C-alpha cells in the first residue's frame, strides 16, 4: 500500500516491493541495519519508487524530443546509411536470445513502456530493464566494431 502511494499502479507497486525484498535477500550477509527493519524497508520502497518515477520522466522527455525530430532522409547517401544501420540492427537482434530481442523491439520499435512489456511478457520490470540493457550493450559493442 505504501508503494502504491508513489506508483498509483498496483502492479508497479508489487514489483517495487518484490525488488526490494529480492535486493534485501541478495545483500542479507552484507547488510547492517542501524534502525528498524520496517524503517529500512519503507525508505527502500520510497527511494525505489521515486527513482522509477524519475526514470519514466526522463524516458518521456527524450521520447518527446525524438518524436519532434522526424527522421527525414534528405539525400540518397543518408538513406543508404540509414538503411544499412537498420539492417545491421536487425542482423544483430536476430543473433540475440529471443527474450532480449523481443523486449528490445517492443520498447524501441513498438514504443511500449517497460511496465507494459513486463505485463505482456509476464516478467518483472527488472527483467525488462535487464534485457534492454543487454541488447543495448550488444548493439553498442557490435556497431562500434563495424565502424
N, C-alpha and C. Protein backbone atom coordinates (compact mmCIF):
# COMPACT_ATOMS: atom_id res chain seq x y z
N UNK A 1 0.83 -1.19 0.00
CA UNK A 1 0.00 0.00 0.00
C UNK A 1 0.88 1.26 0.00
N UNK A 2 2.01 1.18 0.68
CA UNK A 2 2.92 2.32 0.73
C UNK A 2 3.48 2.61 -0.66
N UNK A 3 3.89 1.58 -1.39
CA UNK A 3 4.43 1.76 -2.74
C UNK A 3 3.37 2.31 -3.69
N UNK A 4 2.13 1.92 -3.49
CA UNK A 4 1.04 2.38 -4.34
C UNK A 4 0.85 3.89 -4.26
N UNK A 5 1.17 4.48 -3.12
CA UNK A 5 1.07 5.93 -2.95
C UNK A 5 1.93 6.63 -4.01
N UNK A 6 3.09 6.05 -4.33
CA UNK A 6 4.00 6.66 -5.29
C UNK A 6 3.68 6.26 -6.72
N UNK A 7 3.39 4.98 -6.94
CA UNK A 7 3.26 4.47 -8.30
C UNK A 7 1.87 4.66 -8.88
N UNK A 8 0.85 4.67 -8.05
CA UNK A 8 -0.55 4.75 -8.49
C UNK A 8 -0.92 3.58 -9.40
N UNK A 9 -0.15 2.50 -9.30
CA UNK A 9 -0.40 1.30 -10.11
C UNK A 9 -0.06 0.10 -9.23
N UNK A 10 -1.05 -0.79 -9.05
CA UNK A 10 -0.83 -1.91 -8.13
C UNK A 10 0.26 -2.85 -8.63
N UNK A 11 0.34 -3.05 -9.94
CA UNK A 11 1.38 -3.93 -10.49
C UNK A 11 2.77 -3.37 -10.27
N UNK A 12 2.93 -2.07 -10.53
CA UNK A 12 4.22 -1.43 -10.30
C UNK A 12 4.57 -1.44 -8.82
N UNK A 13 3.58 -1.24 -7.99
CA UNK A 13 3.81 -1.24 -6.54
C UNK A 13 4.29 -2.62 -6.08
N UNK A 14 3.64 -3.66 -6.58
CA UNK A 14 4.05 -5.03 -6.23
C UNK A 14 5.47 -5.31 -6.73
N UNK A 15 5.78 -4.87 -7.95
CA UNK A 15 7.13 -5.06 -8.49
C UNK A 15 8.17 -4.35 -7.63
N UNK A 16 7.84 -3.14 -7.20
CA UNK A 16 8.78 -2.38 -6.36
C UNK A 16 9.07 -3.11 -5.07
N UNK A 17 8.03 -3.57 -4.40
CA UNK A 17 8.21 -4.29 -3.13
C UNK A 17 8.98 -5.58 -3.36
N UNK A 18 8.64 -6.29 -4.43
CA UNK A 18 9.35 -7.54 -4.73
C UNK A 18 10.84 -7.27 -4.98
N UNK A 19 11.14 -6.22 -5.73
CA UNK A 19 12.54 -5.89 -6.00
C UNK A 19 13.29 -5.56 -4.71
N UNK A 20 12.64 -4.86 -3.80
CA UNK A 20 13.27 -4.52 -2.53
C UNK A 20 13.55 -5.79 -1.72
N UNK A 21 12.60 -6.70 -1.68
CA UNK A 21 12.82 -7.95 -0.94
C UNK A 21 13.90 -8.80 -1.59
N UNK A 22 13.94 -8.84 -2.90
CA UNK A 22 14.99 -9.60 -3.60
C UNK A 22 16.34 -8.98 -3.28
N UNK A 23 16.43 -7.66 -3.36
CA UNK A 23 17.68 -6.97 -3.05
C UNK A 23 18.10 -7.24 -1.60
N UNK A 24 17.14 -7.17 -0.69
CA UNK A 24 17.42 -7.43 0.72
C UNK A 24 17.95 -8.85 0.91
N UNK A 25 17.34 -9.81 0.22
CA UNK A 25 17.78 -11.20 0.33
C UNK A 25 19.19 -11.38 -0.24
N UNK A 26 19.45 -10.76 -1.39
CA UNK A 26 20.77 -10.89 -2.02
C UNK A 26 21.87 -10.24 -1.18
N UNK A 27 21.56 -9.19 -0.47
CA UNK A 27 22.55 -8.45 0.33
C UNK A 27 22.46 -8.77 1.82
N UNK A 28 21.76 -9.83 2.18
CA UNK A 28 21.50 -10.12 3.60
C UNK A 28 22.76 -10.28 4.43
N UNK A 29 23.82 -10.81 3.85
CA UNK A 29 25.06 -11.02 4.62
C UNK A 29 25.86 -9.73 4.80
N UNK A 30 25.73 -8.84 3.84
CA UNK A 30 26.48 -7.58 3.88
C UNK A 30 25.73 -6.47 4.61
N UNK A 31 24.43 -6.60 4.71
CA UNK A 31 23.57 -5.55 5.23
C UNK A 31 23.70 -5.43 6.75
N UNK A 32 23.91 -4.21 7.19
CA UNK A 32 23.98 -3.93 8.62
C UNK A 32 22.96 -2.83 8.90
N UNK A 33 21.88 -3.20 9.56
CA UNK A 33 20.83 -2.24 9.87
C UNK A 33 21.14 -1.53 11.18
N UNK A 34 20.98 -0.21 11.17
CA UNK A 34 21.22 0.58 12.37
C UNK A 34 19.91 1.07 12.96
N UNK A 35 18.81 0.69 12.38
CA UNK A 35 17.49 1.06 12.86
C UNK A 35 16.57 -0.14 12.71
N UNK A 36 15.31 0.12 12.61
CA UNK A 36 14.36 -0.99 12.48
C UNK A 36 14.28 -1.47 11.04
N UNK A 37 13.96 -2.73 10.88
CA UNK A 37 13.79 -3.32 9.56
C UNK A 37 12.64 -2.64 8.83
N UNK A 38 11.58 -2.32 9.56
CA UNK A 38 10.41 -1.67 8.96
C UNK A 38 10.80 -0.33 8.35
N UNK A 39 11.56 0.47 9.08
CA UNK A 39 12.00 1.77 8.58
C UNK A 39 12.87 1.61 7.34
N UNK A 40 13.76 0.63 7.39
CA UNK A 40 14.64 0.36 6.24
C UNK A 40 13.81 -0.01 5.01
N UNK A 41 12.85 -0.90 5.18
CA UNK A 41 12.02 -1.35 4.06
C UNK A 41 11.19 -0.21 3.49
N UNK A 42 10.57 0.60 4.36
CA UNK A 42 9.76 1.71 3.88
C UNK A 42 10.60 2.73 3.11
N UNK A 43 11.78 3.05 3.63
CA UNK A 43 12.66 4.01 2.95
C UNK A 43 13.15 3.43 1.63
N UNK A 44 13.44 2.14 1.60
CA UNK A 44 13.89 1.49 0.36
C UNK A 44 12.80 1.53 -0.70
N UNK A 45 11.58 1.23 -0.30
CA UNK A 45 10.45 1.27 -1.24
C UNK A 45 10.26 2.69 -1.75
N UNK A 46 10.32 3.67 -0.85
CA UNK A 46 10.16 5.06 -1.24
C UNK A 46 11.23 5.46 -2.27
N UNK A 47 12.48 5.16 -1.98
CA UNK A 47 13.57 5.51 -2.88
C UNK A 47 13.44 4.80 -4.23
N UNK A 48 13.08 3.53 -4.21
CA UNK A 48 12.91 2.76 -5.44
C UNK A 48 11.80 3.37 -6.31
N UNK A 49 10.70 3.72 -5.70
CA UNK A 49 9.57 4.30 -6.44
C UNK A 49 9.92 5.67 -7.00
N UNK A 50 10.59 6.48 -6.22
CA UNK A 50 10.99 7.81 -6.68
C UNK A 50 11.97 7.70 -7.85
N UNK A 51 12.92 6.77 -7.75
CA UNK A 51 13.84 6.54 -8.86
C UNK A 51 13.09 6.10 -10.12
N UNK A 52 12.10 5.24 -9.95
CA UNK A 52 11.29 4.79 -11.08
C UNK A 52 10.54 5.94 -11.73
N UNK A 53 10.00 6.83 -10.92
CA UNK A 53 9.30 8.00 -11.45
C UNK A 53 10.27 8.88 -12.24
N UNK A 54 11.46 9.06 -11.70
CA UNK A 54 12.47 9.87 -12.40
C UNK A 54 12.85 9.24 -13.74
N UNK A 55 13.05 7.91 -13.74
CA UNK A 55 13.40 7.21 -14.99
C UNK A 55 12.29 7.40 -16.03
N UNK A 56 11.05 7.28 -15.61
CA UNK A 56 9.92 7.45 -16.54
C UNK A 56 9.88 8.86 -17.11
N UNK A 57 10.12 9.86 -16.26
CA UNK A 57 10.10 11.25 -16.72
C UNK A 57 11.20 11.49 -17.75
N UNK A 58 12.38 10.94 -17.50
CA UNK A 58 13.49 11.11 -18.44
C UNK A 58 13.16 10.44 -19.76
N UNK A 59 12.62 9.20 -19.70
CA UNK A 59 12.24 8.49 -20.93
C UNK A 59 11.20 9.27 -21.71
N UNK A 60 10.20 9.78 -21.02
CA UNK A 60 9.14 10.55 -21.69
C UNK A 60 9.69 11.82 -22.31
N UNK A 61 10.62 12.48 -21.61
CA UNK A 61 11.22 13.70 -22.13
C UNK A 61 11.97 13.42 -23.43
N UNK A 62 12.80 12.38 -23.43
CA UNK A 62 13.57 12.07 -24.62
C UNK A 62 12.71 11.50 -25.73
N UNK A 63 11.67 10.77 -25.38
CA UNK A 63 10.75 10.25 -26.40
C UNK A 63 10.07 11.41 -27.09
N UNK A 64 9.68 12.42 -26.33
CA UNK A 64 9.05 13.61 -26.91
C UNK A 64 9.99 14.35 -27.84
N UNK A 65 11.24 14.47 -27.45
CA UNK A 65 12.22 15.14 -28.30
C UNK A 65 12.47 14.37 -29.58
N UNK A 66 12.53 13.05 -29.47
CA UNK A 66 12.76 12.23 -30.66
C UNK A 66 11.57 12.32 -31.60
N UNK A 67 10.33 12.32 -31.06
CA UNK A 67 9.14 12.45 -31.89
C UNK A 67 9.16 13.76 -32.66
N UNK A 68 9.65 14.81 -32.02
CA UNK A 68 9.66 16.12 -32.66
C UNK A 68 10.71 16.19 -33.76
N UNK A 69 11.74 15.39 -33.65
CA UNK A 69 12.80 15.40 -34.65
C UNK A 69 12.54 14.27 -35.64
N UNK A 70 11.72 14.50 -36.60
CA UNK A 70 11.39 13.47 -37.58
C UNK A 70 12.63 13.07 -38.35
N UNK A 71 12.69 11.79 -38.69
CA UNK A 71 13.83 11.28 -39.43
C UNK A 71 13.56 11.40 -40.93
N UNK A 72 13.85 12.57 -41.47
CA UNK A 72 13.70 12.78 -42.90
C UNK A 72 15.00 12.43 -43.59
N UNK A 73 14.87 11.73 -44.68
CA UNK A 73 16.04 11.38 -45.48
C UNK A 73 16.14 12.40 -46.60
N UNK A 74 17.17 13.23 -46.52
CA UNK A 74 17.29 14.34 -47.46
C UNK A 74 18.00 13.96 -48.75
N UNK A 75 18.85 12.98 -48.68
CA UNK A 75 19.53 12.59 -49.90
C UNK A 75 19.80 11.10 -49.91
N UNK A 76 20.27 10.64 -51.01
CA UNK A 76 20.47 9.21 -51.23
C UNK A 76 21.49 8.62 -50.27
N UNK A 77 22.56 9.34 -50.01
CA UNK A 77 23.60 8.83 -49.13
C UNK A 77 23.06 8.60 -47.71
N UNK A 78 22.29 9.57 -47.19
CA UNK A 78 21.69 9.41 -45.87
C UNK A 78 20.75 8.21 -45.84
N UNK A 79 19.98 8.05 -46.89
CA UNK A 79 19.05 6.93 -46.97
C UNK A 79 19.79 5.60 -46.95
N UNK A 80 20.87 5.52 -47.70
CA UNK A 80 21.66 4.28 -47.75
C UNK A 80 22.26 3.98 -46.38
N UNK A 81 22.83 5.00 -45.73
CA UNK A 81 23.42 4.81 -44.41
C UNK A 81 22.37 4.38 -43.39
N UNK A 82 21.22 5.03 -43.42
CA UNK A 82 20.14 4.71 -42.50
C UNK A 82 19.65 3.28 -42.72
N UNK A 83 19.45 2.89 -43.96
CA UNK A 83 19.01 1.54 -44.29
C UNK A 83 20.04 0.51 -43.86
N UNK A 84 21.31 0.82 -44.09
CA UNK A 84 22.38 -0.08 -43.69
C UNK A 84 22.40 -0.27 -42.17
N UNK A 85 22.22 0.81 -41.43
CA UNK A 85 22.17 0.73 -39.98
C UNK A 85 21.00 -0.14 -39.51
N UNK A 86 19.83 0.06 -40.09
CA UNK A 86 18.67 -0.76 -39.74
C UNK A 86 18.92 -2.24 -40.03
N UNK A 87 19.57 -2.51 -41.16
CA UNK A 87 19.89 -3.90 -41.50
C UNK A 87 20.87 -4.51 -40.50
N UNK A 88 21.86 -3.73 -40.08
CA UNK A 88 22.81 -4.22 -39.08
C UNK A 88 22.11 -4.49 -37.75
N UNK A 89 21.22 -3.60 -37.37
CA UNK A 89 20.48 -3.79 -36.12
C UNK A 89 19.62 -5.04 -36.20
N UNK A 90 18.92 -5.22 -37.30
CA UNK A 90 18.09 -6.43 -37.49
C UNK A 90 18.94 -7.69 -37.43
N UNK A 91 20.11 -7.67 -38.05
CA UNK A 91 21.00 -8.82 -38.04
C UNK A 91 21.47 -9.14 -36.62
N UNK A 92 21.84 -8.11 -35.88
CA UNK A 92 22.30 -8.31 -34.50
C UNK A 92 21.16 -8.77 -33.60
N UNK A 93 19.97 -8.23 -33.79
CA UNK A 93 18.83 -8.67 -32.99
C UNK A 93 18.50 -10.14 -33.26
N UNK A 94 18.68 -10.57 -34.50
CA UNK A 94 18.41 -11.97 -34.85
C UNK A 94 19.38 -12.91 -34.14
N UNK A 95 20.54 -12.42 -33.77
CA UNK A 95 21.54 -13.25 -33.09
C UNK A 95 21.37 -13.26 -31.57
N UNK A 96 20.55 -12.37 -31.06
CA UNK A 96 20.34 -12.28 -29.61
C UNK A 96 19.34 -13.33 -29.15
N UNK A 97 19.38 -13.67 -27.86
CA UNK A 97 18.35 -14.56 -27.32
C UNK A 97 16.97 -13.96 -27.56
N UNK A 98 15.97 -14.82 -27.80
CA UNK A 98 14.63 -14.36 -28.17
C UNK A 98 14.05 -13.35 -27.20
N UNK A 99 14.14 -13.61 -25.91
CA UNK A 99 13.56 -12.71 -24.92
C UNK A 99 14.19 -11.33 -24.97
N UNK A 100 15.49 -11.27 -25.19
CA UNK A 100 16.20 -10.00 -25.23
C UNK A 100 15.78 -9.22 -26.47
N UNK A 101 15.80 -9.86 -27.62
CA UNK A 101 15.45 -9.19 -28.87
C UNK A 101 13.98 -8.75 -28.86
N UNK A 102 13.10 -9.63 -28.39
CA UNK A 102 11.68 -9.30 -28.37
C UNK A 102 11.41 -8.10 -27.46
N UNK A 103 12.01 -8.10 -26.29
CA UNK A 103 11.83 -7.00 -25.34
C UNK A 103 12.33 -5.69 -25.95
N UNK A 104 13.50 -5.73 -26.59
CA UNK A 104 14.08 -4.55 -27.20
C UNK A 104 13.16 -4.02 -28.31
N UNK A 105 12.68 -4.91 -29.16
CA UNK A 105 11.79 -4.49 -30.26
C UNK A 105 10.50 -3.85 -29.72
N UNK A 106 9.95 -4.46 -28.69
CA UNK A 106 8.71 -3.93 -28.11
C UNK A 106 8.91 -2.51 -27.59
N UNK A 107 10.07 -2.26 -27.00
CA UNK A 107 10.35 -0.94 -26.44
C UNK A 107 10.74 0.06 -27.52
N UNK A 108 11.71 -0.28 -28.34
CA UNK A 108 12.27 0.69 -29.28
C UNK A 108 11.48 0.82 -30.57
N UNK A 109 10.89 -0.26 -31.05
CA UNK A 109 10.19 -0.19 -32.33
C UNK A 109 8.68 -0.04 -32.15
N UNK A 110 8.11 -0.65 -31.11
CA UNK A 110 6.67 -0.57 -30.89
C UNK A 110 6.31 0.55 -29.91
N UNK A 111 7.32 1.15 -29.27
CA UNK A 111 7.08 2.28 -28.38
C UNK A 111 6.43 1.91 -27.05
N UNK A 112 6.53 0.64 -26.65
CA UNK A 112 5.92 0.22 -25.39
C UNK A 112 6.79 0.61 -24.21
N UNK A 113 6.17 0.94 -23.11
CA UNK A 113 6.90 1.27 -21.88
C UNK A 113 7.30 -0.03 -21.18
N UNK A 114 8.28 0.08 -20.31
CA UNK A 114 8.80 -1.09 -19.61
C UNK A 114 7.69 -1.86 -18.89
N UNK A 115 6.82 -1.11 -18.21
CA UNK A 115 5.75 -1.75 -17.44
C UNK A 115 4.80 -2.52 -18.35
N UNK A 116 4.48 -1.95 -19.51
CA UNK A 116 3.61 -2.63 -20.46
C UNK A 116 4.25 -3.92 -20.97
N UNK A 117 5.53 -3.85 -21.24
CA UNK A 117 6.26 -5.03 -21.71
C UNK A 117 6.27 -6.11 -20.64
N UNK A 118 6.53 -5.71 -19.41
CA UNK A 118 6.57 -6.65 -18.29
C UNK A 118 5.23 -7.37 -18.15
N UNK A 119 4.15 -6.62 -18.27
CA UNK A 119 2.83 -7.23 -18.15
C UNK A 119 2.54 -8.17 -19.31
N UNK A 120 2.88 -7.74 -20.52
CA UNK A 120 2.58 -8.57 -21.69
C UNK A 120 3.41 -9.85 -21.70
N UNK A 121 4.68 -9.76 -21.30
CA UNK A 121 5.55 -10.94 -21.30
C UNK A 121 5.49 -11.72 -20.00
N UNK A 122 4.76 -11.17 -19.02
CA UNK A 122 4.62 -11.81 -17.72
C UNK A 122 5.97 -12.01 -17.03
N UNK A 123 6.77 -10.92 -17.03
CA UNK A 123 8.06 -10.92 -16.35
C UNK A 123 8.13 -9.68 -15.47
N UNK A 124 9.13 -9.61 -14.63
CA UNK A 124 9.26 -8.46 -13.74
C UNK A 124 9.81 -7.26 -14.51
N UNK A 125 9.60 -6.09 -13.94
CA UNK A 125 10.11 -4.86 -14.52
C UNK A 125 11.63 -4.91 -14.59
N UNK A 126 12.23 -5.48 -13.59
CA UNK A 126 13.70 -5.62 -13.53
C UNK A 126 14.20 -6.48 -14.69
N UNK A 127 13.45 -7.54 -15.05
CA UNK A 127 13.83 -8.40 -16.17
C UNK A 127 13.80 -7.60 -17.47
N UNK A 128 12.78 -6.78 -17.64
CA UNK A 128 12.68 -5.94 -18.84
C UNK A 128 13.87 -4.99 -18.91
N UNK A 129 14.17 -4.33 -17.80
CA UNK A 129 15.31 -3.41 -17.76
C UNK A 129 16.61 -4.13 -18.09
N UNK A 130 16.77 -5.31 -17.54
CA UNK A 130 17.98 -6.09 -17.77
C UNK A 130 18.11 -6.50 -19.23
N UNK A 131 17.01 -6.94 -19.83
CA UNK A 131 17.04 -7.38 -21.23
C UNK A 131 17.36 -6.22 -22.17
N UNK A 132 16.75 -5.08 -21.94
CA UNK A 132 17.00 -3.93 -22.81
C UNK A 132 18.44 -3.45 -22.63
N UNK A 133 18.91 -3.46 -21.41
CA UNK A 133 20.30 -3.08 -21.15
C UNK A 133 21.26 -4.02 -21.89
N UNK A 134 20.98 -5.31 -21.84
CA UNK A 134 21.82 -6.29 -22.52
C UNK A 134 21.80 -6.07 -24.03
N UNK A 135 20.62 -5.82 -24.59
CA UNK A 135 20.50 -5.58 -26.03
C UNK A 135 21.29 -4.33 -26.43
N UNK A 136 21.16 -3.26 -25.65
CA UNK A 136 21.88 -2.03 -25.96
C UNK A 136 23.39 -2.23 -25.88
N UNK A 137 23.83 -2.99 -24.88
CA UNK A 137 25.26 -3.27 -24.73
C UNK A 137 25.79 -4.03 -25.94
N UNK A 138 25.05 -5.06 -26.37
CA UNK A 138 25.46 -5.85 -27.53
C UNK A 138 25.48 -4.99 -28.79
N UNK A 139 24.43 -4.22 -29.01
CA UNK A 139 24.37 -3.36 -30.19
C UNK A 139 25.51 -2.34 -30.18
N UNK A 140 25.75 -1.74 -29.04
CA UNK A 140 26.82 -0.76 -28.93
C UNK A 140 28.17 -1.39 -29.27
N UNK A 141 28.44 -2.54 -28.66
CA UNK A 141 29.72 -3.21 -28.91
C UNK A 141 29.88 -3.61 -30.37
N UNK A 142 28.86 -4.20 -30.94
CA UNK A 142 28.95 -4.71 -32.31
C UNK A 142 28.95 -3.59 -33.36
N UNK A 143 28.19 -2.55 -33.12
CA UNK A 143 28.15 -1.45 -34.10
C UNK A 143 29.43 -0.63 -34.06
N UNK A 144 30.04 -0.50 -32.89
CA UNK A 144 31.32 0.20 -32.78
C UNK A 144 32.40 -0.59 -33.53
N UNK A 145 32.39 -1.91 -33.40
CA UNK A 145 33.37 -2.76 -34.07
C UNK A 145 33.26 -2.62 -35.58
N UNK A 146 32.03 -2.48 -36.09
CA UNK A 146 31.82 -2.42 -37.53
C UNK A 146 32.04 -1.04 -38.13
N UNK A 147 32.38 -0.05 -37.31
CA UNK A 147 32.62 1.30 -37.86
C UNK A 147 33.87 1.34 -38.66
